[in-house]
């Protein structure tokens, strides 16, 4: 209000000075706002925990209710991993979820530091593309989509992703999964082609996505492979890592995944999960 008052009551020269100083002030405010926004936004692609609709490929050996409990634990651990990484790099955490009516679930389940983005489309690629667009629109100079199926993913890989995307020039960061998909994709600008003509939920996703990266002539930094816990094979890897001390990727320290560990430990102690896992292993051997 003071700058407007002065400009109305001074001569042309003074008016020019006032405008100039006002422009300096606006630029300074913009710089402060830019500095306040973390460089990298990471959105966890999340589904609400609904028995019979969440993590159904873990049934059997899990029940639908147990699979839903594991989904909730995975979400909490992945969110904590993002927050751990944010203490070491310029990162802001989000959960990209859908449909709209599940928002209260995420508000109750995730830490308050994790912001929410509604991203609900029939095709996964459209959800990913929208989440990235939202992160960039919110002022982040890099946008990352992250799966919610890897509760032990090392936070160091998220830090590495943010640091790579902070370097000059357009580029991508890609985290391939053992099942042929990917657990992470980071970019610095919208690239809709990355999500077109992809055979989602197949072992071809990673290969096809890297083909799109090549088409766009995007430099890409490839992270170490990691695993998704979305079937019995991934569950076995998780149990071996959490309770047998096995290293999935030598040289990388997995996240503690305290929520996931607690849920599985509770299931082992209060149900016949251990017997079901053994029976499933026997059936697998027989096949």
Protein backbone atom coordinates (compact mmCIF):
# COMPACT_ATOMS: atom_id res chain seq x y z
CA UNK A 1 0.00 0.00 0.00
CA UNK A 2 2.86 2.47 0.75
CA UNK A 3 4.38 2.02 -2.71
CA UNK A 4 1.02 2.69 -4.41
CA UNK A 5 0.48 5.84 -2.27
CA UNK A 6 3.90 7.29 -3.19
CA UNK A 7 3.56 6.60 -6.91
CA UNK A 8 0.27 8.51 -7.08
CA UNK A 9 1.78 11.67 -5.55
CA UNK A 10 5.20 12.10 -7.18
CA UNK A 11 6.43 13.34 -10.55
CA UNK A 12 7.25 11.12 -13.52
CA UNK A 13 10.87 10.60 -12.50
CA UNK A 14 9.95 9.56 -9.01
CA UNK A 15 7.25 7.29 -10.39
CA UNK A 16 9.83 5.52 -12.49
CA UNK A 17 12.05 5.01 -9.45
CA UNK A 18 9.11 3.70 -7.43
CA UNK A 19 8.25 1.19 -10.11
CA UNK A 20 11.86 0.13 -10.33
CA UNK A 21 12.16 -0.43 -6.63
CA UNK A 22 8.83 -2.21 -6.60
CA UNK A 23 10.09 -4.55 -9.29
CA UNK A 24 13.19 -5.25 -7.23
CA UNK A 25 10.98 -6.06 -4.25
CA UNK A 26 8.80 -8.42 -6.29
CA UNK A 27 11.86 -10.17 -7.65
CA UNK A 28 13.27 -10.53 -4.14
CA UNK A 29 9.99 -12.00 -2.90
CA UNK A 30 9.93 -14.42 -5.85
CA UNK A 31 13.48 -15.49 -5.04
CA UNK A 32 12.48 -16.14 -1.43
CA UNK A 33 9.47 -18.17 -2.56
CA UNK A 34 11.63 -20.21 -4.95
CA UNK A 35 14.13 -20.88 -2.19
CA UNK A 36 11.32 -22.04 0.12
CA UNK A 37 10.18 -24.72 -2.33
CA UNK A 38 12.34 -27.87 -2.19
CA UNK A 39 14.07 -28.62 -5.47
CA UNK A 40 12.66 -32.13 -5.82
CA UNK A 41 9.09 -33.29 -5.25
CA UNK A 42 8.61 -37.04 -4.72
CA UNK A 43 5.10 -38.47 -5.05
CA UNK A 44 4.36 -41.96 -3.77
CA UNK A 45 1.75 -43.62 -5.98
CA UNK A 46 -0.66 -44.88 -3.34
CA UNK A 47 -3.83 -46.93 -2.96
CA UNK A 48 -6.02 -47.01 0.13
CA UNK A 49 -5.98 -50.28 2.08
CA UNK A 50 -9.21 -52.12 1.25
CA UNK A 51 -9.42 -55.89 1.90
CA UNK A 52 -10.13 -57.71 -1.33
CA UNK A 53 -8.95 -54.78 -3.47
CA UNK A 54 -5.43 -54.08 -2.21
CA UNK A 55 -2.37 -56.31 -2.63
CA UNK A 56 -4.56 -59.21 -3.80
CA UNK A 57 -1.59 -60.94 -5.45
CA UNK A 58 -0.27 -61.67 -1.95
CA UNK A 59 -3.35 -63.85 -1.35
CA UNK A 60 -2.54 -66.65 -0.60
CA UNK A 61 -0.50 -67.08 1.58
CA UNK A 62 -1.90 -63.90 3.17
CA UNK A 63 -5.59 -63.30 3.73
CA UNK A 64 -7.23 -60.26 2.15
CA UNK A 65 -7.27 -58.51 5.52
CA UNK A 66 -3.58 -59.26 6.14
CA UNK A 67 -2.66 -58.03 2.66
CA UNK A 68 -4.49 -54.75 3.34
CA UNK A 69 -2.63 -54.36 6.65
CA UNK A 70 0.66 -54.88 4.83
CA UNK A 71 -0.31 -52.20 2.30
CA UNK A 72 -0.85 -49.71 5.12
CA UNK A 73 2.51 -50.61 6.66
CA UNK A 74 4.24 -50.27 3.28
CA UNK A 75 2.76 -46.79 2.81
CA UNK A 76 3.94 -45.64 6.22
CA UNK A 77 7.44 -46.99 5.68
CA UNK A 78 7.81 -45.50 2.19
CA UNK A 79 6.60 -42.14 3.52
CA UNK A 80 9.17 -42.31 6.33
CA UNK A 81 11.88 -43.15 3.79
CA UNK A 82 10.99 -40.02 1.82
CA UNK A 83 11.13 -37.91 4.97
CA UNK A 84 14.48 -39.47 5.91
CA UNK A 85 15.82 -38.52 2.48
CA UNK A 86 14.41 -34.99 2.85
CA UNK A 87 16.77 -34.45 5.81
CA UNK A 88 19.72 -35.03 3.47
CA UNK A 89 18.55 -33.41 0.22
CA UNK A 90 16.11 -30.76 -0.97
CA UNK A 91 13.04 -33.01 -1.14
CA UNK A 92 9.33 -32.60 -0.46
CA UNK A 93 7.11 -35.66 -0.02
CA UNK A 94 3.66 -36.32 -1.47
CA UNK A 95 1.19 -39.15 -1.87
CA UNK A 96 -0.62 -39.29 -5.22
CA UNK A 97 -3.85 -41.13 -4.52
CA UNK A 98 -7.29 -41.90 -5.87
CA UNK A 99 -10.23 -41.95 -5.87
CA UNK A 100 -11.19 -38.74 -4.09
CA UNK A 101 -13.23 -40.37 -1.31
CA UNK A 102 -10.13 -42.16 0.03
CA UNK A 103 -8.46 -38.90 1.09
CA UNK A 104 -9.36 -39.35 4.80
CA UNK A 105 -7.51 -42.69 4.81
CA UNK A 106 -4.28 -41.01 3.76
CA UNK A 107 -4.78 -38.09 6.12
CA UNK A 108 -5.08 -40.57 9.00
CA UNK A 109 -2.31 -42.94 7.82
CA UNK A 110 0.55 -40.74 6.63
CA UNK A 111 2.66 -38.13 8.45
CA UNK A 112 1.42 -34.57 8.17
CA UNK A 113 4.57 -33.59 6.28
CA UNK A 114 3.39 -35.71 3.33
CA UNK A 115 1.11 -33.58 1.14
CA UNK A 116 -1.66 -35.14 -0.92
CA UNK A 117 -2.33 -35.06 -4.66
CA UNK A 118 -5.52 -36.57 -6.05
CA UNK A 119 -4.50 -38.51 -9.18
CA UNK A 120 -7.22 -40.88 -10.28
CA UNK A 121 -7.33 -42.07 -13.88
CA UNK A 122 -8.23 -45.48 -15.38
CA UNK A 123 -4.73 -45.91 -16.85
CA UNK A 124 -1.67 -45.95 -14.58
CA UNK A 125 0.38 -43.95 -17.07
CA UNK A 126 -2.10 -41.08 -16.90
CA UNK A 127 -1.86 -41.09 -13.08
CA UNK A 128 1.93 -40.94 -13.25
CA UNK A 129 1.90 -38.19 -15.87
CA UNK A 130 -0.57 -36.12 -13.86
CA UNK A 131 1.37 -36.53 -10.61
CA UNK A 132 4.54 -35.27 -12.29
CA UNK A 133 2.70 -32.31 -13.80
CA UNK A 134 1.30 -31.41 -10.38
CA UNK A 135 4.73 -31.52 -8.73
CA UNK A 136 6.20 -29.22 -11.36
CA UNK A 137 3.23 -26.84 -11.13
CA UNK A 138 3.81 -26.58 -7.38
CA UNK A 139 7.22 -25.08 -8.04
CA UNK A 140 9.56 -28.06 -7.77
CA UNK A 141 12.28 -28.09 -10.39
CA UNK A 142 12.28 -31.88 -10.48
CA UNK A 143 9.44 -34.39 -10.13
CA UNK A 144 9.69 -38.03 -9.07
CA UNK A 145 7.05 -40.77 -8.98
CA UNK A 146 7.78 -43.59 -6.56
CA UNK A 147 6.03 -46.90 -5.96
CA UNK A 148 4.51 -47.83 -2.62
CA UNK A 149 5.54 -51.50 -2.87
CA UNK A 150 9.15 -51.22 -1.73
CA UNK A 151 9.19 -50.49 2.02
CA UNK A 152 12.89 -51.29 2.42
CA UNK A 153 14.10 -49.17 -0.51
CA UNK A 154 17.24 -47.37 0.72
CA UNK A 155 16.70 -43.68 1.37
CA UNK A 156 20.14 -43.16 -0.17
CA UNK A 157 18.64 -43.90 -3.59
CA UNK A 158 16.12 -41.08 -3.12
CA UNK A 159 18.92 -38.73 -2.13
CA UNK A 160 20.91 -39.82 -5.18
CA UNK A 161 17.87 -39.16 -7.36
CA UNK A 162 17.39 -35.64 -6.02
CA UNK A 163 21.07 -34.83 -6.42
CA UNK A 164 21.16 -36.06 -10.02
CA UNK A 165 18.07 -34.06 -10.93
CA UNK A 166 19.58 -30.93 -9.34
CA UNK A 167 22.35 -30.90 -11.93
CA UNK A 168 22.08 -28.59 -14.95
CA UNK A 169 20.29 -29.75 -18.07
CA UNK A 170 17.26 -31.90 -18.77
CA UNK A 171 17.53 -35.54 -17.78
CA UNK A 172 15.74 -38.50 -16.20
CA UNK A 173 16.47 -40.85 -13.31
CA UNK A 174 15.18 -44.40 -13.58
CA UNK A 175 14.91 -47.14 -10.96
CA UNK A 176 14.28 -50.56 -12.56
CA UNK A 177 12.55 -53.33 -10.63
CA UNK A 178 13.34 -57.04 -10.69
CA UNK A 179 9.91 -57.86 -12.10
CA UNK A 180 10.47 -55.84 -15.29
CA UNK A 181 8.74 -52.69 -14.10
CA UNK A 182 10.22 -49.72 -12.31
CA UNK A 183 10.07 -48.40 -8.76
CA UNK A 184 11.07 -44.80 -9.53
CA UNK A 185 11.06 -42.32 -12.38
CA UNK A 186 12.28 -38.74 -12.07
CA UNK A 187 12.26 -35.91 -14.61
CA UNK A 188 12.78 -32.14 -14.74
CA UNK A 189 10.06 -31.31 -17.28
CA UNK A 190 6.81 -32.89 -18.53
CA UNK A 191 7.45 -35.69 -21.00
CA UNK A 192 4.08 -37.23 -21.86
CA UNK A 193 5.68 -39.70 -24.25
CA UNK A 194 7.23 -41.56 -21.31
CA UNK A 195 3.78 -42.89 -20.43
CA UNK A 196 2.40 -43.64 -23.88
CA UNK A 197 2.13 -47.10 -25.47
CA UNK A 198 3.31 -48.89 -22.32
CA UNK A 199 2.06 -52.39 -21.48
CA UNK A 200 1.36 -51.58 -17.84
CA UNK A 201 1.55 -54.35 -15.22
CA UNK A 202 3.76 -56.51 -17.43
CA UNK A 203 7.45 -57.38 -17.48
CA UNK A 204 7.88 -55.06 -20.48
CA UNK A 205 7.31 -51.77 -18.64
CA UNK A 206 10.94 -50.92 -17.88
CA UNK A 207 12.17 -51.81 -21.36
CA UNK A 208 9.41 -49.86 -23.09
CA UNK A 209 9.91 -46.83 -20.84
CA UNK A 210 13.62 -46.74 -21.60
CA UNK A 211 12.72 -46.90 -25.30
CA UNK A 212 10.64 -43.75 -24.79
CA UNK A 213 13.58 -42.13 -22.97
CA UNK A 214 15.76 -42.88 -26.00
CA UNK A 215 13.15 -41.46 -28.38
CA UNK A 216 13.18 -38.21 -26.40
CA UNK A 217 17.00 -38.15 -26.37
CA UNK A 218 16.89 -37.74 -22.61
CA UNK A 219 20.10 -38.45 -20.71
CA UNK A 220 19.17 -41.02 -18.06
CA UNK A 221 20.78 -42.04 -14.79
CA UNK A 222 20.01 -45.67 -13.93
CA UNK A 223 19.69 -46.61 -10.27
CA UNK A 224 20.37 -50.13 -8.93
CA UNK A 225 17.56 -52.65 -9.34
CA UNK A 226 15.21 -53.13 -6.41
CA UNK A 227 12.18 -55.28 -5.78
CA UNK A 228 8.43 -54.74 -5.46
CA UNK A 229 6.43 -56.62 -2.85
CA UNK A 230 3.38 -57.31 -4.97
CA UNK A 231 3.50 -61.10 -5.25
CA UNK A 232 4.72 -64.11 -3.28
CA UNK A 233 8.22 -63.81 -4.75
CA UNK A 234 8.55 -60.24 -3.52
CA UNK A 235 7.13 -61.22 -0.13
CA UNK A 236 9.80 -63.92 0.25
CA UNK A 237 12.52 -61.40 -0.57
CA UNK A 238 11.09 -59.01 2.00
CA UNK A 239 11.00 -61.67 4.73
CA UNK A 240 14.56 -62.73 3.96
CA UNK A 241 15.74 -59.15 4.15
CA UNK A 242 13.86 -58.20 7.32
CA UNK A 243 14.24 -61.38 9.37
CA UNK A 244 17.19 -63.30 7.93
CA UNK A 245 19.57 -60.40 7.30
CA UNK A 246 19.96 -61.20 3.61
CA UNK A 247 21.24 -58.40 1.39
CA UNK A 248 19.22 -57.92 -1.79
CA UNK A 249 21.70 -55.49 -3.35
CA UNK A 250 25.24 -55.69 -1.93
CA UNK A 251 26.58 -52.35 -0.81
CA UNK A 252 23.16 -50.80 -0.20
CA UNK A 253 21.68 -50.45 3.27
CA UNK A 254 17.94 -51.18 3.19
CA UNK A 255 15.50 -49.02 5.09
CA UNK A 256 14.41 -50.37 8.48
CA UNK A 257 10.74 -50.63 7.47
CA UNK A 258 9.66 -50.65 11.09
CA UNK A 259 5.93 -50.64 10.35
CA UNK A 260 6.20 -53.55 7.92
CA UNK A 261 8.41 -55.50 10.29
CA UNK A 262 5.95 -54.98 13.15
CA UNK A 263 2.94 -56.08 11.11
CA UNK A 264 4.58 -59.25 9.80
CA UNK A 265 6.03 -60.09 13.21
CA UNK A 266 2.58 -59.72 14.73
CA UNK A 267 1.04 -61.98 12.06
CA UNK A 268 3.67 -64.65 12.68
CA UNK A 269 3.04 -64.54 16.43
CA UNK A 270 -0.76 -64.36 16.39
CA UNK A 271 -1.74 -66.46 13.38
CA UNK A 272 -0.67 -69.51 11.40
CA UNK A 273 1.13 -67.34 8.82
CA UNK A 274 4.38 -69.22 9.34
CA UNK A 275 2.66 -72.51 8.47
CA UNK A 276 0.95 -70.96 5.46
CA UNK A 277 4.27 -69.65 4.16
CA UNK A 278 5.85 -73.10 4.59
CA UNK A 279 2.91 -74.75 2.81
CA UNK A 280 3.16 -72.28 -0.03
CA UNK A 281 6.87 -73.00 -0.36
CA UNK A 282 6.16 -76.73 -0.55
CA UNK A 283 3.55 -76.21 -3.25
CA UNK A 284 5.98 -74.06 -5.19
CA UNK A 285 8.66 -76.74 -4.98
CA UNK A 286 6.19 -79.38 -6.17
CA UNK A 287 5.25 -77.31 -9.19
